[in-house]
N, C-alpha and C. Protein backbone atom coordinates (compact mmCIF):
# COMPACT_ATOMS: atom_id res chain seq x y z
N MET A 1 2.45 8.31 -104.91
CA MET A 1 2.73 7.96 -106.20
C MET A 1 2.46 6.44 -106.35
N LYS A 2 2.03 5.92 -107.43
CA LYS A 2 1.88 4.52 -107.66
C LYS A 2 2.94 4.07 -108.58
N ILE A 3 3.76 3.06 -108.07
CA ILE A 3 4.70 2.41 -108.97
C ILE A 3 4.63 0.96 -108.88
N GLU A 4 4.79 0.35 -110.08
CA GLU A 4 4.75 -1.12 -110.36
C GLU A 4 6.06 -1.71 -109.91
N CYS A 5 6.08 -2.73 -109.06
CA CYS A 5 7.40 -3.44 -108.84
C CYS A 5 7.83 -4.16 -110.04
N PRO A 6 9.27 -4.02 -110.49
CA PRO A 6 9.58 -4.74 -111.61
C PRO A 6 9.71 -6.18 -111.40
N LYS A 7 9.83 -6.59 -110.08
CA LYS A 7 9.90 -8.08 -109.85
C LYS A 7 8.68 -8.77 -109.87
N CYS A 8 7.72 -8.44 -108.95
CA CYS A 8 6.55 -9.14 -108.83
C CYS A 8 5.31 -8.35 -109.44
N PHE A 9 5.46 -7.35 -110.12
CA PHE A 9 4.52 -6.57 -111.00
C PHE A 9 3.32 -6.10 -110.17
N LYS A 10 3.45 -5.87 -108.91
CA LYS A 10 2.50 -5.48 -107.95
C LYS A 10 2.41 -3.87 -107.92
N GLU A 11 1.31 -3.29 -107.88
CA GLU A 11 1.26 -1.86 -107.68
C GLU A 11 1.51 -1.40 -106.29
N ASN A 12 2.39 -0.46 -106.07
CA ASN A 12 2.59 -0.08 -104.76
C ASN A 12 2.40 1.53 -104.61
N ASN A 13 1.71 1.95 -103.47
CA ASN A 13 1.50 3.47 -103.31
C ASN A 13 2.67 3.75 -102.41
N LEU A 14 3.40 4.72 -103.06
CA LEU A 14 4.50 5.38 -102.20
C LEU A 14 4.18 6.91 -101.98
N ASN A 15 4.40 7.26 -100.61
CA ASN A 15 4.12 8.58 -100.27
C ASN A 15 5.48 9.34 -100.26
N LEU A 16 5.65 10.13 -101.27
CA LEU A 16 6.92 10.76 -101.33
C LEU A 16 6.88 12.24 -100.66
N GLU A 17 7.74 12.55 -99.65
CA GLU A 17 7.66 13.78 -99.07
C GLU A 17 8.29 14.93 -99.90
N ALA A 18 9.34 14.53 -100.60
CA ALA A 18 9.97 15.51 -101.40
C ALA A 18 9.18 15.74 -102.80
N LYS A 19 9.29 17.01 -103.15
CA LYS A 19 8.63 17.28 -104.51
C LYS A 19 9.51 17.01 -105.54
N VAL A 20 8.94 16.32 -106.73
CA VAL A 20 9.78 15.81 -107.79
C VAL A 20 9.35 16.71 -108.96
N ASN A 21 10.29 17.26 -109.67
CA ASN A 21 9.95 18.02 -110.79
C ASN A 21 10.51 17.40 -112.11
N CYS A 22 9.83 17.75 -113.17
CA CYS A 22 10.27 17.21 -114.37
C CYS A 22 11.55 17.90 -114.81
N GLY A 23 12.45 17.03 -115.43
CA GLY A 23 13.85 17.47 -115.77
C GLY A 23 13.72 18.52 -116.95
N HIS A 24 12.59 18.51 -117.75
CA HIS A 24 12.64 19.39 -118.88
C HIS A 24 11.75 20.62 -118.68
N CYS A 25 10.49 20.48 -118.22
CA CYS A 25 9.63 21.64 -118.11
C CYS A 25 9.71 22.28 -116.68
N LYS A 26 10.22 21.52 -115.75
CA LYS A 26 10.33 22.00 -114.36
C LYS A 26 8.98 21.93 -113.55
N GLU A 27 7.91 21.32 -114.22
CA GLU A 27 6.63 21.15 -113.59
C GLU A 27 6.77 20.03 -112.47
N GLU A 28 5.92 20.20 -111.37
CA GLU A 28 5.92 19.29 -110.34
C GLU A 28 5.13 17.83 -110.97
N ILE A 29 5.87 16.76 -110.70
CA ILE A 29 5.20 15.48 -111.17
C ILE A 29 4.81 14.46 -110.06
N THR A 30 4.98 14.91 -108.73
CA THR A 30 4.54 14.15 -107.55
C THR A 30 3.13 14.06 -107.54
N GLY A 31 2.57 12.86 -107.20
CA GLY A 31 1.14 12.66 -107.26
C GLY A 31 0.55 12.06 -108.44
N TYR A 32 1.30 11.79 -109.47
CA TYR A 32 0.64 11.34 -110.78
C TYR A 32 0.84 9.78 -110.72
N THR A 33 0.00 9.10 -111.32
CA THR A 33 0.10 7.54 -111.55
C THR A 33 0.86 7.35 -112.66
N TYR A 34 1.96 6.35 -112.49
CA TYR A 34 2.70 5.81 -113.45
C TYR A 34 2.45 4.35 -113.69
N LYS A 35 2.15 3.98 -114.94
CA LYS A 35 1.89 2.59 -115.33
C LYS A 35 2.93 2.13 -116.26
N LYS A 36 2.98 0.71 -116.38
CA LYS A 36 3.84 0.24 -117.19
C LYS A 36 3.36 0.28 -118.63
N PRO A 37 4.08 0.26 -119.56
CA PRO A 37 3.56 0.46 -121.03
C PRO A 37 2.81 -0.86 -121.34
N LEU A 38 1.97 -0.64 -122.36
CA LEU A 38 1.03 -1.67 -122.82
C LEU A 38 1.71 -3.00 -123.15
N ILE A 39 2.79 -2.80 -123.97
CA ILE A 39 3.67 -3.93 -124.20
C ILE A 39 5.13 -3.67 -123.89
N SER A 40 5.79 -4.61 -123.64
CA SER A 40 7.30 -4.34 -123.28
C SER A 40 8.02 -4.18 -124.54
N ALA A 41 9.31 -3.61 -124.37
CA ALA A 41 10.06 -3.35 -125.53
C ALA A 41 10.49 -4.69 -126.30
N THR A 42 10.77 -5.78 -125.39
CA THR A 42 11.01 -7.03 -125.97
C THR A 42 9.89 -7.64 -126.79
N THR A 43 8.56 -7.37 -126.28
CA THR A 43 7.57 -7.98 -127.09
C THR A 43 7.32 -7.16 -128.35
N ALA A 44 7.56 -5.74 -128.36
CA ALA A 44 7.41 -4.93 -129.45
C ALA A 44 8.50 -5.46 -130.62
N LEU A 45 9.79 -5.74 -130.11
CA LEU A 45 10.84 -6.16 -130.95
C LEU A 45 10.50 -7.46 -131.50
N MET A 46 9.93 -8.38 -130.94
CA MET A 46 9.58 -9.77 -131.33
C MET A 46 8.48 -9.55 -132.44
N ILE A 47 7.45 -8.73 -132.14
CA ILE A 47 6.33 -8.53 -133.23
C ILE A 47 6.98 -7.91 -134.37
N GLY A 48 7.95 -6.89 -134.28
CA GLY A 48 8.48 -6.26 -135.30
C GLY A 48 9.30 -7.18 -136.24
N ALA A 49 10.01 -8.07 -135.50
CA ALA A 49 10.89 -8.92 -136.37
C ALA A 49 9.95 -10.10 -136.98
N GLY A 50 8.99 -10.49 -136.26
CA GLY A 50 7.90 -11.34 -137.01
C GLY A 50 7.34 -10.90 -138.15
N GLY A 51 6.87 -9.55 -137.97
CA GLY A 51 6.28 -8.75 -139.14
C GLY A 51 7.25 -8.59 -140.28
N PHE A 52 8.45 -8.27 -139.97
CA PHE A 52 9.46 -8.05 -141.18
C PHE A 52 9.63 -9.40 -141.78
N TYR A 53 9.71 -10.63 -141.01
CA TYR A 53 9.86 -11.87 -141.61
C TYR A 53 8.66 -12.13 -142.55
N ALA A 54 7.34 -11.83 -142.11
CA ALA A 54 6.24 -12.02 -142.93
C ALA A 54 6.21 -11.24 -144.19
N VAL A 55 6.51 -9.94 -144.05
CA VAL A 55 6.49 -9.13 -145.31
C VAL A 55 7.75 -9.68 -146.21
N ASP A 56 8.86 -10.03 -145.61
CA ASP A 56 9.86 -10.49 -146.52
C ASP A 56 9.49 -11.74 -147.32
N GLN A 57 8.70 -12.58 -146.72
CA GLN A 57 8.34 -13.99 -147.34
C GLN A 57 7.22 -13.64 -148.37
N VAL A 58 6.47 -12.69 -148.17
CA VAL A 58 5.26 -12.38 -148.96
C VAL A 58 5.48 -11.27 -150.09
N VAL A 59 5.99 -10.13 -149.51
CA VAL A 59 6.18 -9.09 -150.50
C VAL A 59 7.59 -9.04 -151.23
N LEU A 60 8.55 -9.05 -150.40
CA LEU A 60 9.97 -8.84 -150.96
C LEU A 60 10.42 -10.27 -151.62
N ALA A 61 9.94 -11.36 -151.26
CA ALA A 61 10.40 -12.61 -151.97
C ALA A 61 9.74 -12.67 -153.36
N ASP A 62 10.43 -12.15 -154.34
CA ASP A 62 9.91 -12.11 -155.70
C ASP A 62 10.55 -13.28 -156.51
N ASP A 63 10.97 -14.26 -155.86
CA ASP A 63 11.62 -15.36 -156.55
C ASP A 63 12.70 -15.18 -157.66
N ARG A 64 13.43 -13.93 -157.28
CA ARG A 64 14.59 -13.64 -158.16
C ARG A 64 15.64 -14.78 -157.98
N TYR A 65 16.27 -15.02 -159.14
CA TYR A 65 17.32 -15.93 -159.22
C TYR A 65 18.59 -15.13 -158.78
N PRO A 66 19.68 -15.82 -158.27
CA PRO A 66 20.91 -15.11 -158.06
C PRO A 66 21.39 -14.41 -159.35
N VAL A 67 22.00 -13.21 -159.12
CA VAL A 67 22.50 -12.47 -160.31
C VAL A 67 23.48 -13.29 -161.32
N THR A 68 24.37 -14.08 -160.71
CA THR A 68 25.22 -15.00 -161.42
C THR A 68 24.35 -15.93 -162.31
N THR A 69 23.25 -16.44 -161.68
CA THR A 69 22.44 -17.50 -162.52
C THR A 69 21.73 -16.72 -163.51
N GLU A 70 21.22 -15.57 -163.24
CA GLU A 70 20.52 -14.73 -164.41
C GLU A 70 21.38 -14.35 -165.35
N TYR A 71 22.49 -13.93 -165.10
CA TYR A 71 23.59 -13.60 -166.04
C TYR A 71 24.04 -14.69 -166.85
N SER A 72 24.21 -15.93 -166.26
CA SER A 72 24.55 -17.13 -167.04
C SER A 72 23.38 -17.50 -168.04
N ILE A 73 22.22 -17.32 -167.62
CA ILE A 73 21.09 -17.86 -168.51
C ILE A 73 21.06 -16.84 -169.65
N ILE A 74 21.02 -15.63 -169.45
CA ILE A 74 20.96 -14.58 -170.50
C ILE A 74 22.19 -14.58 -171.51
N ASP A 75 23.41 -14.88 -170.82
CA ASP A 75 24.46 -14.94 -171.64
C ASP A 75 24.43 -16.24 -172.57
N SER A 76 23.99 -17.38 -172.07
CA SER A 76 23.98 -18.58 -172.91
C SER A 76 22.81 -18.28 -174.03
N CYS A 77 21.77 -17.66 -173.70
CA CYS A 77 20.67 -17.46 -174.50
C CYS A 77 21.30 -16.51 -175.77
N LEU A 78 22.00 -15.39 -175.40
CA LEU A 78 22.51 -14.57 -176.38
C LEU A 78 23.71 -15.15 -177.21
N ASN A 79 24.55 -16.03 -176.71
CA ASN A 79 25.71 -16.53 -177.36
C ASN A 79 25.68 -17.92 -177.80
N ASN A 80 24.51 -18.28 -178.23
CA ASN A 80 24.33 -19.69 -178.70
C ASN A 80 24.78 -19.88 -180.14
N TYR A 81 25.03 -18.69 -180.79
CA TYR A 81 25.60 -18.89 -182.26
C TYR A 81 27.05 -18.95 -182.20
N ARG A 82 27.75 -19.46 -183.01
CA ARG A 82 29.15 -19.59 -183.24
C ARG A 82 29.65 -18.37 -184.11
N GLU A 83 28.91 -17.84 -184.90
CA GLU A 83 29.24 -16.92 -185.81
C GLU A 83 28.76 -15.53 -185.24
N PRO A 84 29.57 -14.45 -185.61
CA PRO A 84 29.30 -13.12 -185.15
C PRO A 84 27.96 -12.60 -185.78
N ILE A 85 27.27 -11.80 -185.15
CA ILE A 85 26.00 -11.33 -185.65
C ILE A 85 26.01 -9.80 -185.49
N ALA A 86 25.30 -9.01 -186.23
CA ALA A 86 25.19 -7.61 -186.29
C ALA A 86 24.81 -7.07 -184.92
N TYR A 87 25.15 -5.77 -184.64
CA TYR A 87 24.68 -5.22 -183.29
C TYR A 87 23.28 -5.11 -183.17
N ARG A 88 22.53 -4.66 -184.24
CA ARG A 88 21.12 -4.58 -184.21
C ARG A 88 20.27 -5.89 -183.82
N ILE A 89 20.84 -6.96 -184.51
CA ILE A 89 20.34 -8.25 -184.25
C ILE A 89 20.62 -8.59 -182.72
N TYR A 90 21.84 -8.40 -182.35
CA TYR A 90 22.20 -8.70 -181.03
C TYR A 90 21.48 -7.93 -179.89
N ASP A 91 21.13 -6.62 -180.17
CA ASP A 91 20.21 -5.88 -179.31
C ASP A 91 18.87 -6.39 -179.12
N GLU A 92 18.27 -6.69 -180.41
CA GLU A 92 17.05 -7.35 -180.42
C GLU A 92 17.03 -8.74 -179.70
N LYS A 93 17.92 -9.61 -179.92
CA LYS A 93 18.08 -10.72 -179.09
C LYS A 93 18.07 -10.67 -177.69
N ARG A 94 18.96 -9.72 -177.21
CA ARG A 94 19.11 -9.40 -175.79
C ARG A 94 17.77 -9.12 -175.29
N GLU A 95 16.93 -8.22 -175.88
CA GLU A 95 15.63 -7.89 -175.32
C GLU A 95 14.79 -9.05 -175.19
N VAL A 96 14.89 -9.92 -176.27
CA VAL A 96 14.05 -11.22 -176.21
C VAL A 96 14.48 -12.24 -175.07
N CYS A 97 15.83 -12.28 -174.97
CA CYS A 97 16.36 -13.10 -173.83
C CYS A 97 16.00 -12.72 -172.41
N ILE A 98 16.09 -11.40 -172.23
CA ILE A 98 15.71 -10.74 -170.95
C ILE A 98 14.14 -10.90 -170.68
N CYS A 99 13.37 -10.64 -171.73
CA CYS A 99 11.87 -10.87 -171.47
C CYS A 99 11.55 -12.40 -171.22
N THR A 100 12.25 -13.10 -172.06
CA THR A 100 12.02 -14.58 -171.73
C THR A 100 12.37 -15.01 -170.34
N LEU A 101 13.37 -14.61 -169.83
CA LEU A 101 13.83 -14.93 -168.51
C LEU A 101 12.86 -14.25 -167.54
N GLU A 102 12.41 -13.12 -167.68
CA GLU A 102 11.41 -12.48 -166.62
C GLU A 102 10.09 -13.38 -166.68
N LYS A 103 9.62 -13.68 -167.89
CA LYS A 103 8.40 -14.46 -167.99
C LYS A 103 8.58 -15.88 -167.39
N THR A 104 9.67 -16.43 -167.56
CA THR A 104 9.96 -17.86 -167.15
C THR A 104 9.97 -17.82 -165.46
N MET A 105 10.71 -16.66 -165.01
CA MET A 105 10.68 -16.57 -163.46
C MET A 105 9.34 -16.31 -162.88
N GLU A 106 8.46 -15.78 -163.55
CA GLU A 106 7.09 -15.69 -163.02
C GLU A 106 6.49 -17.07 -162.84
N GLU A 107 6.83 -18.07 -163.62
CA GLU A 107 6.16 -19.34 -163.52
C GLU A 107 7.02 -20.36 -163.02
N PHE A 108 8.40 -20.19 -162.99
CA PHE A 108 9.31 -21.14 -162.55
C PHE A 108 10.27 -20.46 -161.35
N SER A 109 10.02 -20.89 -160.10
CA SER A 109 10.87 -20.31 -159.12
C SER A 109 12.25 -20.82 -159.13
N TYR A 110 13.12 -20.16 -158.42
CA TYR A 110 14.47 -20.52 -158.21
C TYR A 110 14.56 -21.94 -157.61
N ASN A 111 13.75 -22.14 -156.61
CA ASN A 111 13.70 -23.61 -156.10
C ASN A 111 13.50 -24.66 -157.10
N ASP A 112 12.52 -24.28 -158.01
CA ASP A 112 12.17 -25.25 -159.10
C ASP A 112 13.25 -25.43 -160.12
N PHE A 113 14.13 -24.23 -160.25
CA PHE A 113 15.31 -24.23 -161.23
C PHE A 113 16.29 -25.24 -160.56
N LYS A 114 16.56 -25.14 -159.34
CA LYS A 114 17.63 -25.98 -158.66
C LYS A 114 17.22 -27.29 -158.74
N GLU A 115 16.04 -27.65 -158.69
CA GLU A 115 15.53 -29.10 -158.72
C GLU A 115 15.54 -29.75 -160.05
N GLY A 116 15.36 -28.86 -160.98
CA GLY A 116 15.38 -29.62 -162.32
C GLY A 116 15.54 -28.71 -163.52
N GLN A 117 16.65 -28.48 -164.08
CA GLN A 117 17.01 -27.52 -165.17
C GLN A 117 16.39 -27.91 -166.49
N GLU A 118 16.14 -29.22 -166.69
CA GLU A 118 15.58 -29.68 -167.97
C GLU A 118 14.03 -29.07 -168.12
N ALA A 119 13.42 -29.08 -166.98
CA ALA A 119 12.04 -28.60 -166.90
C ALA A 119 12.16 -27.00 -167.12
N PHE A 120 13.11 -26.36 -166.56
CA PHE A 120 13.22 -24.96 -166.77
C PHE A 120 13.61 -24.63 -168.37
N ILE A 121 14.39 -25.50 -169.00
CA ILE A 121 14.60 -25.24 -170.43
C ILE A 121 13.25 -25.34 -171.16
N LYS A 122 12.44 -26.38 -170.89
CA LYS A 122 11.15 -26.42 -171.65
C LYS A 122 10.42 -25.18 -171.46
N VAL A 123 10.33 -24.66 -170.24
CA VAL A 123 9.33 -23.49 -169.94
C VAL A 123 10.00 -22.27 -170.62
N PHE A 124 11.39 -22.18 -170.44
CA PHE A 124 12.13 -21.14 -171.17
C PHE A 124 11.92 -21.04 -172.50
N GLU A 125 12.03 -22.17 -173.32
CA GLU A 125 11.80 -22.29 -174.70
C GLU A 125 10.47 -21.80 -175.17
N GLY A 126 9.47 -22.31 -174.20
CA GLY A 126 8.05 -21.89 -174.54
C GLY A 126 7.72 -20.46 -174.38
N LYS A 127 8.53 -19.72 -173.58
CA LYS A 127 8.28 -18.22 -173.27
C LYS A 127 8.96 -17.44 -174.44
N VAL A 128 9.88 -18.02 -175.11
CA VAL A 128 10.53 -17.28 -176.10
C VAL A 128 9.48 -16.67 -177.15
N LYS A 129 8.72 -17.48 -177.53
CA LYS A 129 7.49 -17.13 -178.44
C LYS A 129 6.84 -15.99 -178.07
N GLU A 130 6.50 -15.79 -176.71
CA GLU A 130 5.73 -14.79 -176.23
C GLU A 130 6.45 -13.44 -176.34
N CYS A 131 7.87 -13.58 -176.37
CA CYS A 131 8.69 -12.17 -176.24
C CYS A 131 9.11 -11.78 -177.64
N ARG A 132 8.76 -12.61 -178.57
CA ARG A 132 9.34 -12.26 -180.03
C ARG A 132 8.35 -11.19 -180.63
């Protein structure tokens, strides 16, 4: 039987006198060559973690703002009047505010938002026209 040393990684020929049987199917497995896997478990784990990070950065990172920030933006968009408004008008306005925020987020990342809210307001106000 050929077995690779886990310390020096050299292949060793071992002559086993005793017959070794598979624990599942009971077939004899003496005389077969056993080699190390193509990549180690550690390497596979590192590749998987790196792959997940890349997917997270490209696919999953959709530049969503934190929920509290999104809520605050929509709330201030909806409630900028001091007087009560009809439910129908409120519903229409809510749809415009949500649409405007979605379109603004496509162009203005959260990092940009944190850097300058004045620039965000200009972009946001420009997108309102597209959503009416």
